Every structure is written in structure tokens, then in C-alpha cells.
Amino acid sequence: MVGAGPASLTVARDLAPLGYHVTIYDGDARAGGMIRSQISEIPPSEEVIDEEVGYVTAMGPEMRLGQRVDSLKGLLAEGYDAVFVGSGAPRGRDLTYPAARRPPRASISH
């Protein structure tokens, strides 16, 4: 998995009990992802985050923290059967397709 945030930790939590060997890569030194860095209103304490992350890491995934993934092709070449990318979205983006700029049509039924 790429990323050690909530999405990847959830996937790891679901796969580990099924017997899958899970490897999680993240450029940060600690797992938790955006929950540590992007939640601004009443953020959870570090202790709470560590406890929640610990539930998943106790299930045995291989944690490769501090290891940034710069190439999915390179990661796939390592022989993994599947790769989940949970890279997060620290900043929202406006959608640029035409329908995103039009207000929705109202429908009236009688």
C-alpha cells in the first residue's frame, strides 16, 4: 500500500485477518496520514491517533515508514499482487468538467 493514512490502514485492517501479507509505505516517519496533519478543528490527540494506528499495526503489516514511493511501476516490479494507493487529498480541487459549472436541473413530477 502507498500511504499510511486512514484509507490504507482500513484496507490493511480488512486484509490482514484474511491472511494477506500487507506492506505499507509512507514518506512520513509515523503512520496516520492526514489525521495527523490536516485536521484543524479539534484534532485528536497524538495519544489517540497512536492508539488507533496501533490497532492496525498490531495485526502485523510490514511498515516501511519514511520510505516515499516515487514510481508505481517500480513498486509493481517488486512483485506485489496488488497495490492500493491511499495518497490522501490535503487540498480540495474544483472540478473542471462542463457539468460541474452548471446548476442541476430541477425535475417536477405530478
C-alpha atoms as a PDB file:
ATOM      1  CA  MET A   1       0.000   0.000   0.000  1.00  0.00           C
ATOM      2  CA  VAL A   2       1.088   3.505  -0.675  1.00  0.00           C
ATOM      3  CA  GLY A   3       0.267   5.806   2.201  1.00  0.00           C
ATOM      4  CA  ALA A   4      -0.223   5.079   5.896  1.00  0.00           C
ATOM      5  CA  GLY A   5      -3.306   7.215   6.395  1.00  0.00           C
ATOM      6  CA  PRO A   6      -6.859   6.229   7.272  1.00  0.00           C
ATOM      7  CA  ALA A   7      -7.717   4.675   3.890  1.00  0.00           C
ATOM      8  CA  SER A   8      -4.652   2.421   3.721  1.00  0.00           C
ATOM      9  CA  LEU A   9      -4.909   1.477   7.375  1.00  0.00           C
ATOM     10  CA  THR A  10      -8.532   0.475   6.802  1.00  0.00           C
ATOM     11  CA  VAL A  11      -7.568  -1.717   3.843  1.00  0.00           C
ATOM     12  CA  ALA A  12      -4.751  -3.276   5.899  1.00  0.00           C
ATOM     13  CA  ARG A  13      -7.173  -3.918   8.762  1.00  0.00           C
ATOM     14  CA  ASP A  14      -9.522  -5.722   6.382  1.00  0.00           C
ATOM     15  CA  LEU A  15      -6.867  -7.780   4.558  1.00  0.00           C
ATOM     16  CA  ALA A  16      -4.617  -8.876   7.436  1.00  0.00           C
ATOM     17  CA  PRO A  17      -7.226 -11.145   9.101  1.00  0.00           C
ATOM     18  CA  LEU A  18      -7.766 -12.842   5.739  1.00  0.00           C
ATOM     19  CA  GLY A  19      -4.127 -13.923   5.695  1.00  0.00           C
ATOM     20  CA  TYR A  20      -2.717 -11.388   3.244  1.00  0.00           C
ATOM     21  CA  HIS A  21       0.811 -10.111   3.775  1.00  0.00           C
ATOM     22  CA  VAL A  22       0.457  -6.339   3.764  1.00  0.00           C
ATOM     23  CA  THR A  23       3.275  -3.849   3.229  1.00  0.00           C
ATOM     24  CA  ILE A  24       2.597  -0.166   3.864  1.00  0.00           C
ATOM     25  CA  TYR A  25       4.879   2.560   2.513  1.00  0.00           C
ATOM     26  CA  ASP A  26       4.703   6.162   3.655  1.00  0.00           C
ATOM     27  CA  GLY A  27       7.071   9.099   3.314  1.00  0.00           C
ATOM     28  CA  ASP A  28       6.323  10.212   6.873  1.00  0.00           C
ATOM     29  CA  ALA A  29       8.052   8.675   9.849  1.00  0.00           C
ATOM     30  CA  ARG A  30       4.724   7.935  11.587  1.00  0.00           C
ATOM     31  CA  ALA A  31       1.530   6.353  10.344  1.00  0.00           C
ATOM     32  CA  GLY A  32      -1.724   8.273  10.481  1.00  0.00           C
ATOM     33  CA  GLY A  33      -1.540  10.431   7.380  1.00  0.00           C
ATOM     34  CA  MET A  34      -3.888  13.370   7.133  1.00  0.00           C
ATOM     35  CA  ILE A  35      -5.384  12.652  10.531  1.00  0.00           C
ATOM     36  CA  ARG A  36      -2.082  13.915  11.983  1.00  0.00           C
ATOM     37  CA  SER A  37      -1.521  16.843   9.677  1.00  0.00           C
ATOM     38  CA  GLN A  38      -4.724  18.134   8.100  1.00  0.00           C
ATOM     39  CA  ILE A  39      -7.452  18.085  10.720  1.00  0.00           C
ATOM     40  CA  SER A  40      -7.612  21.600  12.104  1.00  0.00           C
ATOM     41  CA  GLU A  41     -10.830  21.772  14.137  1.00  0.00           C
ATOM     42  CA  ILE A  42     -10.465  19.935  17.419  1.00  0.00           C
ATOM     43  CA  PRO A  43      -7.809  17.488  16.237  1.00  0.00           C
ATOM     44  CA  PRO A  44      -7.480  14.179  18.062  1.00  0.00           C
ATOM     45  CA  SER A  45      -4.554  13.953  20.456  1.00  0.00           C
ATOM     46  CA  GLU A  46      -1.350  12.223  19.394  1.00  0.00           C
ATOM     47  CA  GLU A  47      -2.083   9.547  22.002  1.00  0.00           C
ATOM     48  CA  VAL A  48      -5.472   8.800  20.460  1.00  0.00           C
ATOM     49  CA  ILE A  49      -4.014   8.655  16.957  1.00  0.00           C
ATOM     50  CA  ASP A  50      -1.187   6.373  18.115  1.00  0.00           C
ATOM     51  CA  GLU A  51      -3.684   4.088  19.844  1.00  0.00           C
ATOM     52  CA  GLU A  52      -5.924   3.838  16.777  1.00  0.00           C
ATOM     53  CA  VAL A  53      -2.977   3.270  14.421  1.00  0.00           C
ATOM     54  CA  GLY A  54      -1.653   0.694  16.885  1.00  0.00           C
ATOM     55  CA  TYR A  55      -4.759  -1.459  16.499  1.00  0.00           C
ATOM     56  CA  VAL A  56      -3.870  -1.962  12.851  1.00  0.00           C
ATOM     57  CA  THR A  57      -0.087  -2.204  13.178  1.00  0.00           C
ATOM     58  CA  ALA A  58      -0.578  -4.889  15.858  1.00  0.00           C
ATOM     59  CA  MET A  59      -2.152  -7.029  13.135  1.00  0.00           C
ATOM     60  CA  GLY A  60       1.308  -7.351  11.589  1.00  0.00           C
ATOM     61  CA  PRO A  61       1.544  -5.329   8.380  1.00  0.00           C
ATOM     62  CA  GLU A  62       5.093  -4.590   7.317  1.00  0.00           C
ATOM     63  CA  MET A  63       5.528  -0.872   7.918  1.00  0.00           C
ATOM     64  CA  ARG A  64       8.005   0.911   5.655  1.00  0.00           C
ATOM     65  CA  LEU A  65       7.679   4.363   7.133  1.00  0.00           C
ATOM     66  CA  GLY A  66       9.965   7.133   5.948  1.00  0.00           C
ATOM     67  CA  GLN A  67      10.068   5.478   2.506  1.00  0.00           C
ATOM     68  CA  ARG A  68       8.458   7.588  -0.173  1.00  0.00           C
ATOM     69  CA  VAL A  69       7.147   5.806  -3.280  1.00  0.00           C
ATOM     70  CA  ASP A  70       8.094   7.757  -6.383  1.00  0.00           C
ATOM     71  CA  SER A  71       7.210   5.142  -9.001  1.00  0.00           C
ATOM     72  CA  LEU A  72       4.244   2.800  -9.110  1.00  0.00           C
ATOM     73  CA  LYS A  73       5.931   0.961 -11.954  1.00  0.00           C
ATOM     74  CA  GLY A  74       8.925   0.356  -9.691  1.00  0.00           C
ATOM     75  CA  LEU A  75       6.669  -0.786  -6.872  1.00  0.00           C
ATOM     76  CA  LEU A  76       4.838  -3.230  -9.141  1.00  0.00           C
ATOM     77  CA  ALA A  77       8.200  -4.568 -10.329  1.00  0.00           C
ATOM     78  CA  GLU A  78       8.830  -5.722  -6.754  1.00  0.00           C
ATOM     79  CA  GLY A  79       6.278  -8.487  -7.325  1.00  0.00           C
ATOM     80  CA  TYR A  80       3.268  -7.353  -5.321  1.00  0.00           C
ATOM     81  CA  ASP A  81      -0.017  -8.928  -6.393  1.00  0.00           C
ATOM     82  CA  ALA A  82      -1.897  -5.661  -5.923  1.00  0.00           C
ATOM     83  CA  VAL A  83      -1.221  -2.070  -4.914  1.00  0.00           C
ATOM     84  CA  PHE A  84      -3.630   0.212  -3.085  1.00  0.00           C
ATOM     85  CA  VAL A  85      -2.849   3.918  -3.348  1.00  0.00           C
ATOM     86  CA  GLY A  86      -4.176   5.872  -0.401  1.00  0.00           C
ATOM     87  CA  SER A  87      -2.306   9.078  -1.032  1.00  0.00           C
ATOM     88  CA  GLY A  88      -4.811  11.413   0.580  1.00  0.00           C
ATOM     89  CA  ALA A  89      -6.129  14.709  -0.691  1.00  0.00           C
ATOM     90  CA  PRO A  90      -4.815  17.507   1.516  1.00  0.00           C
ATOM     91  CA  ARG A  91      -6.318  20.231  -0.648  1.00  0.00           C
ATOM     92  CA  GLY A  92      -9.631  20.133  -2.426  1.00  0.00           C
ATOM     93  CA  ARG A  93      -9.841  20.785  -6.127  1.00  0.00           C
ATOM     94  CA  ASP A  94     -12.539  22.369  -8.237  1.00  0.00           C
ATOM     95  CA  LEU A  95     -13.931  20.052 -10.853  1.00  0.00           C
ATOM     96  CA  THR A  96     -13.216  21.208 -14.380  1.00  0.00           C
ATOM     97  CA  TYR A  97     -15.699  19.261 -16.486  1.00  0.00           C
ATOM     98  CA  PRO A  98     -18.549  21.299 -18.026  1.00  0.00           C
ATOM     99  CA  ALA A  99     -21.387  19.852 -15.938  1.00  0.00           C
ATOM    100  CA  ALA A 100     -19.627  20.958 -12.755  1.00  0.00           C
ATOM    101  CA  ARG A 101     -20.253  24.588 -13.679  1.00  0.00           C
ATOM    102  CA  ARG A 102     -23.979  24.204 -14.447  1.00  0.00           C
ATOM    103  CA  PRO A 103     -26.598  24.218 -11.725  1.00  0.00           C
ATOM    104  CA  PRO A 104     -28.546  20.961 -11.537  1.00  0.00           C
ATOM    105  CA  ARG A 105     -31.851  20.802 -13.397  1.00  0.00           C
ATOM    106  CA  ALA A 106     -34.920  20.623 -11.264  1.00  0.00           C
ATOM    107  CA  SER A 107     -37.442  17.945 -12.024  1.00  0.00           C
ATOM    108  CA  ILE A 108     -41.055  18.228 -11.036  1.00  0.00           C
ATOM    109  CA  SER A 109     -43.365  15.283 -11.005  1.00  0.00           C
ATOM    110  CA  HIS A 110     -47.136  15.445 -10.654  1.00  0.00           C
END
